[in-house]
Amino acid sequence: MDNFYEKINEECGVRLPFSAEQDWEICAGDYKNTANYIDFYNRYSDDMDIWQKYLAVNLIVQGIEDLMEQGEDKNITNELWSETEKILLKDNHRHTIFSWSCVGQELDDRWLITPKMRELL
């Protein structure tokens, strides 16, 4: 997809990256729009390259992490996780799963989403 950043900005309100920004996919989103990010991923995944899929899926995972942190409705969070899990497995996002699983770290030094990610290992 030639215009990934512009398209996700236009359709989902994700801000454009700053010049030489690191971790845009972790910082740019708004957890309240996680469902929109999932819809965007599913709609355009065939048009995205591997890097764009990585960015989009990490935007989604960070959104779910933030939903969990904010104590949002667990039913909604679980529904979004179910859709995310399908994406992670379907498109073989091993690096993302491994990274968010915090392999080798104690469970008290982890993300809230880590137990869910570890189930996918």
Protein backbone atom coordinates (compact mmCIF):
# COMPACT_ATOMS: atom_id res chain seq x y z
CA MET A 1 0.00 0.00 0.00
CA ASP A 2 1.68 3.16 -1.20
CA ASN A 3 -0.13 5.55 1.13
CA PHE A 4 -0.44 3.52 4.36
CA TYR A 5 0.14 6.38 6.81
CA GLU A 6 -2.17 8.77 4.98
CA LYS A 7 -4.88 6.13 4.63
CA ILE A 8 -4.87 5.10 8.30
CA ASN A 9 -4.77 8.77 9.27
CA GLU A 10 -7.74 9.57 7.04
CA GLU A 11 -9.86 6.54 7.93
CA CYS A 12 -8.97 6.00 11.60
CA GLY A 13 -7.63 9.33 12.82
CA VAL A 14 -4.18 7.95 13.62
CA ARG A 15 -1.73 10.82 13.56
CA LEU A 16 1.00 10.84 10.95
CA PRO A 17 4.51 9.93 12.15
CA PHE A 18 6.99 12.63 13.04
CA SER A 19 10.27 12.77 11.17
CA ALA A 20 12.54 9.88 12.30
CA GLU A 21 9.98 8.84 14.95
CA GLN A 22 10.49 5.49 16.65
CA ASP A 23 7.62 3.40 17.99
CA TRP A 24 4.93 5.31 16.09
CA GLU A 25 2.73 2.20 16.22
CA ILE A 26 2.84 2.28 20.03
CA CYS A 27 2.34 6.02 20.50
CA ALA A 28 0.09 7.23 17.68
CA GLY A 29 -3.16 5.45 18.37
CA ASP A 30 -6.12 6.01 20.64
CA TYR A 31 -7.37 2.90 22.40
CA LYS A 32 -10.97 4.08 21.90
CA ASN A 33 -10.47 3.46 18.17
CA THR A 34 -9.10 -0.08 18.43
CA ALA A 35 -12.16 -1.58 16.70
CA ASN A 36 -11.55 0.79 13.77
CA TYR A 37 -7.91 -0.32 13.57
CA ILE A 38 -9.03 -3.96 13.41
CA ASP A 39 -11.51 -3.13 10.65
CA PHE A 40 -8.80 -1.24 8.75
CA TYR A 41 -6.40 -4.17 9.05
CA ASN A 42 -8.99 -6.67 7.85
CA ARG A 43 -10.09 -4.45 4.96
CA TYR A 44 -6.60 -3.67 3.65
CA SER A 45 -4.39 -6.56 4.77
CA ASP A 46 -4.11 -7.91 1.22
CA ASP A 47 -2.77 -4.51 0.10
CA MET A 48 -0.29 -4.03 2.96
CA ASP A 49 3.31 -5.18 2.92
CA ILE A 50 4.88 -7.02 5.87
CA TRP A 51 6.07 -3.81 7.57
CA GLN A 52 2.68 -2.13 7.26
CA LYS A 53 1.00 -5.21 8.73
CA TYR A 54 3.50 -5.12 11.60
CA LEU A 55 2.72 -1.45 12.27
CA ALA A 56 -1.04 -1.98 12.08
CA VAL A 57 -1.13 -5.07 14.29
CA ASN A 58 1.02 -3.40 16.95
CA LEU A 59 -1.29 -0.39 16.88
CA ILE A 60 -4.13 -2.83 17.58
CA VAL A 61 -2.29 -4.70 20.33
CA GLN A 62 -1.31 -1.44 22.05
CA GLY A 63 -4.95 -0.39 21.87
CA ILE A 64 -6.05 -3.56 23.64
CA GLU A 65 -3.29 -3.13 26.22
CA ASP A 66 -4.53 0.41 26.87
CA LEU A 67 -8.15 -0.78 27.09
CA MET A 68 -7.09 -3.30 29.73
CA GLU A 69 -5.08 -0.66 31.58
CA GLN A 70 -8.02 1.75 31.58
CA GLY A 71 -10.31 -0.98 32.95
CA GLU A 72 -12.68 -0.77 30.01
CA ASP A 73 -15.60 -3.21 29.60
CA LYS A 74 -14.10 -6.71 29.65
CA ASN A 75 -16.68 -8.03 27.19
CA ILE A 76 -15.65 -5.43 24.61
CA THR A 77 -11.96 -6.03 25.30
CA ASN A 78 -12.46 -9.79 24.93
CA GLU A 79 -14.32 -9.33 21.62
CA LEU A 80 -11.53 -7.14 20.28
CA TRP A 81 -8.93 -9.63 21.51
CA SER A 82 -10.74 -12.45 19.73
CA GLU A 83 -10.51 -10.56 16.44
CA THR A 84 -6.88 -9.63 17.10
CA GLU A 85 -5.95 -13.21 17.91
CA LYS A 86 -7.30 -14.26 14.51
CA ILE A 87 -5.16 -11.62 12.80
CA LEU A 88 -2.04 -12.58 14.74
CA LEU A 89 -2.40 -16.25 13.83
CA LYS A 90 -3.67 -15.83 10.27
CA ASP A 91 -0.85 -13.55 9.19
CA ASN A 92 1.78 -15.27 11.34
CA HIS A 93 2.84 -12.29 13.46
CA ARG A 94 5.42 -14.34 15.39
CA HIS A 95 7.62 -11.37 16.25
CA THR A 96 4.71 -9.42 17.72
CA ILE A 97 3.47 -12.41 19.70
CA PHE A 98 6.95 -13.14 21.03
CA SER A 99 7.66 -9.51 21.90
CA TRP A 100 4.40 -8.93 23.80
CA SER A 101 4.77 -12.32 25.53
CA CYS A 102 7.79 -11.00 27.46
CA VAL A 103 9.49 -14.37 27.20
CA GLY A 104 12.08 -14.83 29.93
CA GLN A 105 10.53 -12.22 32.20
CA GLU A 106 8.59 -12.76 35.39
CA LEU A 107 4.84 -12.31 35.08
CA ASP A 108 4.85 -9.33 37.43
CA ASP A 109 7.24 -7.52 35.03
CA ARG A 110 5.03 -7.64 31.95
CA TRP A 111 2.20 -6.07 29.99
CA LEU A 112 -1.42 -6.78 30.91
CA ILE A 113 -1.86 -8.48 27.55
CA THR A 114 1.14 -10.77 28.11
CA PRO A 115 -0.85 -13.78 29.43
CA LYS A 116 -3.07 -13.68 26.35
CA MET A 117 -0.03 -13.49 24.08
CA ARG A 118 1.68 -16.35 25.88
CA GLU A 119 -1.30 -18.56 25.08
CA LEU A 120 -0.43 -18.08 21.40
CA LEU A 121 3.18 -19.29 21.75
